[in-house]
Amino acid sequence: MTEETTYMYIVDYYCPDEDNRLFKLNKKKDLERFGTKLTRKNFYEDGGYGDSFLFSELHIKEKDACNFAKKQSKKTKDLANVKACWCSKNEWGEFEIDDMNENYLRQFSVGKEV
């Protein structure tokens, strides 16, 4: 990494609102395309659960990212993952992710680290 990169943290967390939005959208598509009714089980088997995760803002401090993940997991009663990445500023001065640290992962579920 260049000296202009910054090590930061991001949280991906389950979002029930996104889950419901995607389920309704896919249910409508399945009914129109195939004339079948999509079930939650089929939705989750086809990746709907993973698609129901959102990303937080970037956090400079690991503690801030973990606190956010803890809060979100408690709120949704589901997983929140803290991930680390190297970021650099773009031409507008905003941080963009350059590379993820595949060796770093902290998971929280229902407000507790797993």
C-alpha atoms as a PDB file:
ATOM      1  CA  MET A   1       0.000   0.000   0.000  1.00  0.00           C
ATOM      2  CA  THR A   2       1.152   3.546  -0.627  1.00  0.00           C
ATOM      3  CA  GLU A   3       1.736   6.021   2.156  1.00  0.00           C
ATOM      4  CA  GLU A   4      -1.534   7.750   1.212  1.00  0.00           C
ATOM      5  CA  THR A   5      -3.640   4.757   2.242  1.00  0.00           C
ATOM      6  CA  THR A   6      -5.435   4.569   5.582  1.00  0.00           C
ATOM      7  CA  TYR A   7      -6.388   1.407   7.436  1.00  0.00           C
ATOM      8  CA  MET A   8     -10.107   1.603   8.235  1.00  0.00           C
ATOM      9  CA  TYR A   9     -13.045  -0.556   9.271  1.00  0.00           C
ATOM     10  CA  ILE A  10     -16.445  -1.177   7.755  1.00  0.00           C
ATOM     11  CA  VAL A  11     -19.468  -3.052   9.072  1.00  0.00           C
ATOM     12  CA  ASP A  12     -21.827  -5.143   7.026  1.00  0.00           C
ATOM     13  CA  TYR A  13     -25.016  -5.872   8.876  1.00  0.00           C
ATOM     14  CA  TYR A  14     -28.318  -7.603   8.326  1.00  0.00           C
ATOM     15  CA  CYS A  15     -31.127  -5.177   7.542  1.00  0.00           C
ATOM     16  CA  PRO A  16     -34.719  -6.441   7.966  1.00  0.00           C
ATOM     17  CA  ASP A  17     -36.094  -3.571   5.849  1.00  0.00           C
ATOM     18  CA  GLU A  18     -33.792  -4.481   2.961  1.00  0.00           C
ATOM     19  CA  ASP A  19     -34.692  -8.147   3.422  1.00  0.00           C
ATOM     20  CA  ASN A  20     -38.415  -7.369   3.157  1.00  0.00           C
ATOM     21  CA  ARG A  21     -37.906  -5.064   0.177  1.00  0.00           C
ATOM     22  CA  LEU A  22     -35.899  -7.683  -1.733  1.00  0.00           C
ATOM     23  CA  PHE A  23     -38.279 -10.491  -0.813  1.00  0.00           C
ATOM     24  CA  LYS A  24     -41.315  -8.546  -2.083  1.00  0.00           C
ATOM     25  CA  LEU A  25     -39.472  -7.592  -5.280  1.00  0.00           C
ATOM     26  CA  ASN A  26     -38.343 -11.165  -5.972  1.00  0.00           C
ATOM     27  CA  LYS A  27     -41.763 -12.552  -5.061  1.00  0.00           C
ATOM     28  CA  LYS A  28     -43.362 -10.250  -7.634  1.00  0.00           C
ATOM     29  CA  LYS A  29     -40.762 -11.205 -10.274  1.00  0.00           C
ATOM     30  CA  ASP A  30     -41.257 -14.948  -9.677  1.00  0.00           C
ATOM     31  CA  LEU A  31     -45.030 -14.602  -9.950  1.00  0.00           C
ATOM     32  CA  GLU A  32     -44.761 -12.632 -13.213  1.00  0.00           C
ATOM     33  CA  ARG A  33     -42.068 -14.852 -14.787  1.00  0.00           C
ATOM     34  CA  PHE A  34     -42.983 -18.330 -13.633  1.00  0.00           C
ATOM     35  CA  GLY A  35     -46.439 -18.052 -12.100  1.00  0.00           C
ATOM     36  CA  THR A  36     -45.047 -19.419  -8.819  1.00  0.00           C
ATOM     37  CA  LYS A  37     -45.126 -18.014  -5.326  1.00  0.00           C
ATOM     38  CA  LEU A  38     -41.684 -17.441  -3.798  1.00  0.00           C
ATOM     39  CA  THR A  39     -41.261 -18.668  -0.227  1.00  0.00           C
ATOM     40  CA  ARG A  40     -38.859 -17.231   2.350  1.00  0.00           C
ATOM     41  CA  LYS A  41     -36.973 -20.549   2.336  1.00  0.00           C
ATOM     42  CA  ASN A  42     -36.386 -20.359  -1.438  1.00  0.00           C
ATOM     43  CA  PHE A  43     -35.509 -16.677  -1.182  1.00  0.00           C
ATOM     44  CA  TYR A  44     -32.807 -17.407   1.404  1.00  0.00           C
ATOM     45  CA  GLU A  45     -31.510 -20.457  -0.498  1.00  0.00           C
ATOM     46  CA  ASP A  46     -30.997 -18.295  -3.597  1.00  0.00           C
ATOM     47  CA  GLY A  47     -28.853 -15.739  -1.761  1.00  0.00           C
ATOM     48  CA  GLY A  48     -31.560 -13.409  -0.461  1.00  0.00           C
ATOM     49  CA  TYR A  49     -30.196 -13.508   3.068  1.00  0.00           C
ATOM     50  CA  GLY A  50     -26.726 -12.395   1.980  1.00  0.00           C
ATOM     51  CA  ASP A  51     -28.180  -9.692  -0.242  1.00  0.00           C
ATOM     52  CA  SER A  52     -30.055  -8.311   2.790  1.00  0.00           C
ATOM     53  CA  PHE A  53     -26.831  -6.995   4.349  1.00  0.00           C
ATOM     54  CA  LEU A  54     -25.920  -3.313   4.109  1.00  0.00           C
ATOM     55  CA  PHE A  55     -22.571  -1.568   4.579  1.00  0.00           C
ATOM     56  CA  SER A  56     -21.930   1.139   7.131  1.00  0.00           C
ATOM     57  CA  GLU A  57     -19.846   4.245   6.715  1.00  0.00           C
ATOM     58  CA  LEU A  58     -16.110   3.710   7.069  1.00  0.00           C
ATOM     59  CA  HIS A  59     -14.750   3.895  10.607  1.00  0.00           C
ATOM     60  CA  ILE A  60     -11.228   5.027  11.463  1.00  0.00           C
ATOM     61  CA  LYS A  61     -11.255   3.381  14.883  1.00  0.00           C
ATOM     62  CA  GLU A  62     -11.842  -0.328  15.366  1.00  0.00           C
ATOM     63  CA  LYS A  63     -13.704   0.387  18.609  1.00  0.00           C
ATOM     64  CA  ASP A  64     -16.219   2.617  16.798  1.00  0.00           C
ATOM     65  CA  ALA A  65     -16.840  -0.060  14.152  1.00  0.00           C
ATOM     66  CA  CYS A  66     -17.305  -2.737  16.825  1.00  0.00           C
ATOM     67  CA  ASN A  67     -19.701  -0.546  18.801  1.00  0.00           C
ATOM     68  CA  PHE A  68     -21.747   0.083  15.657  1.00  0.00           C
ATOM     69  CA  ALA A  69     -21.779  -3.660  14.838  1.00  0.00           C
ATOM     70  CA  LYS A  70     -22.779  -4.523  18.387  1.00  0.00           C
ATOM     71  CA  LYS A  71     -25.643  -2.006  18.292  1.00  0.00           C
ATOM     72  CA  GLN A  72     -26.908  -3.155  14.865  1.00  0.00           C
ATOM     73  CA  SER A  73     -26.761  -6.848  15.756  1.00  0.00           C
ATOM     74  CA  LYS A  74     -28.685  -6.205  18.953  1.00  0.00           C
ATOM     75  CA  LYS A  75     -31.270  -4.157  17.063  1.00  0.00           C
ATOM     76  CA  THR A  76     -31.793  -6.739  14.283  1.00  0.00           C
ATOM     77  CA  LYS A  77     -31.108  -9.840  16.415  1.00  0.00           C
ATOM     78  CA  ASP A  78     -28.825 -11.040  13.642  1.00  0.00           C
ATOM     79  CA  LEU A  79     -25.244 -10.838  12.411  1.00  0.00           C
ATOM     80  CA  ALA A  80     -23.059  -7.789  11.959  1.00  0.00           C
ATOM     81  CA  ASN A  81     -19.526  -8.238  10.619  1.00  0.00           C
ATOM     82  CA  VAL A  82     -16.633  -5.852  11.201  1.00  0.00           C
ATOM     83  CA  LYS A  83     -14.142  -5.961   8.332  1.00  0.00           C
ATOM     84  CA  ALA A  84     -10.883  -4.116   7.803  1.00  0.00           C
ATOM     85  CA  CYS A  85      -9.683  -2.437   4.624  1.00  0.00           C
ATOM     86  CA  TRP A  86      -7.135  -0.078   3.168  1.00  0.00           C
ATOM     87  CA  CYS A  87      -8.629   3.124   1.829  1.00  0.00           C
ATOM     88  CA  SER A  88      -7.435   6.157  -0.052  1.00  0.00           C
ATOM     89  CA  LYS A  89      -9.069   9.471  -0.840  1.00  0.00           C
ATOM     90  CA  ASN A  90     -10.576  10.003  -4.258  1.00  0.00           C
ATOM     91  CA  GLU A  91     -10.521  13.261  -6.226  1.00  0.00           C
ATOM     92  CA  TRP A  92     -13.386  14.651  -4.100  1.00  0.00           C
ATOM     93  CA  GLY A  93     -11.570  13.939  -0.841  1.00  0.00           C
ATOM     94  CA  GLU A  94     -13.807  10.998   0.103  1.00  0.00           C
ATOM     95  CA  PHE A  95     -12.391   7.667   1.232  1.00  0.00           C
ATOM     96  CA  GLU A  96     -12.743   4.706  -1.113  1.00  0.00           C
ATOM     97  CA  ILE A  97     -11.869   1.103  -0.366  1.00  0.00           C
ATOM     98  CA  ASP A  98      -8.748  -0.050  -2.197  1.00  0.00           C
ATOM     99  CA  ASP A  99      -8.363  -3.510  -0.727  1.00  0.00           C
ATOM    100  CA  MET A 100      -9.985  -5.634   1.971  1.00  0.00           C
ATOM    101  CA  ASN A 101      -7.952  -7.390   4.667  1.00  0.00           C
ATOM    102  CA  GLU A 102      -9.217 -10.948   4.218  1.00  0.00           C
ATOM    103  CA  ASN A 103      -7.549 -12.004   7.501  1.00  0.00           C
ATOM    104  CA  TYR A 104      -9.612  -9.668   9.690  1.00  0.00           C
ATOM    105  CA  LEU A 105     -13.181 -10.408  10.728  1.00  0.00           C
ATOM    106  CA  ARG A 106     -15.080  -9.806  13.941  1.00  0.00           C
ATOM    107  CA  GLN A 107     -18.685 -10.961  14.136  1.00  0.00           C
ATOM    108  CA  PHE A 108     -21.424  -9.841  16.468  1.00  0.00           C
ATOM    109  CA  SER A 109     -24.781 -11.498  16.937  1.00  0.00           C
ATOM    110  CA  VAL A 110     -27.578 -10.166  19.100  1.00  0.00           C
ATOM    111  CA  GLY A 111     -25.180  -7.628  20.638  1.00  0.00           C
ATOM    112  CA  LYS A 112     -22.405 -10.084  21.540  1.00  0.00           C
ATOM    113  CA  GLU A 113     -19.184 -11.020  19.800  1.00  0.00           C
ATOM    114  CA  VAL A 114     -19.149 -14.577  18.450  1.00  0.00           C
END
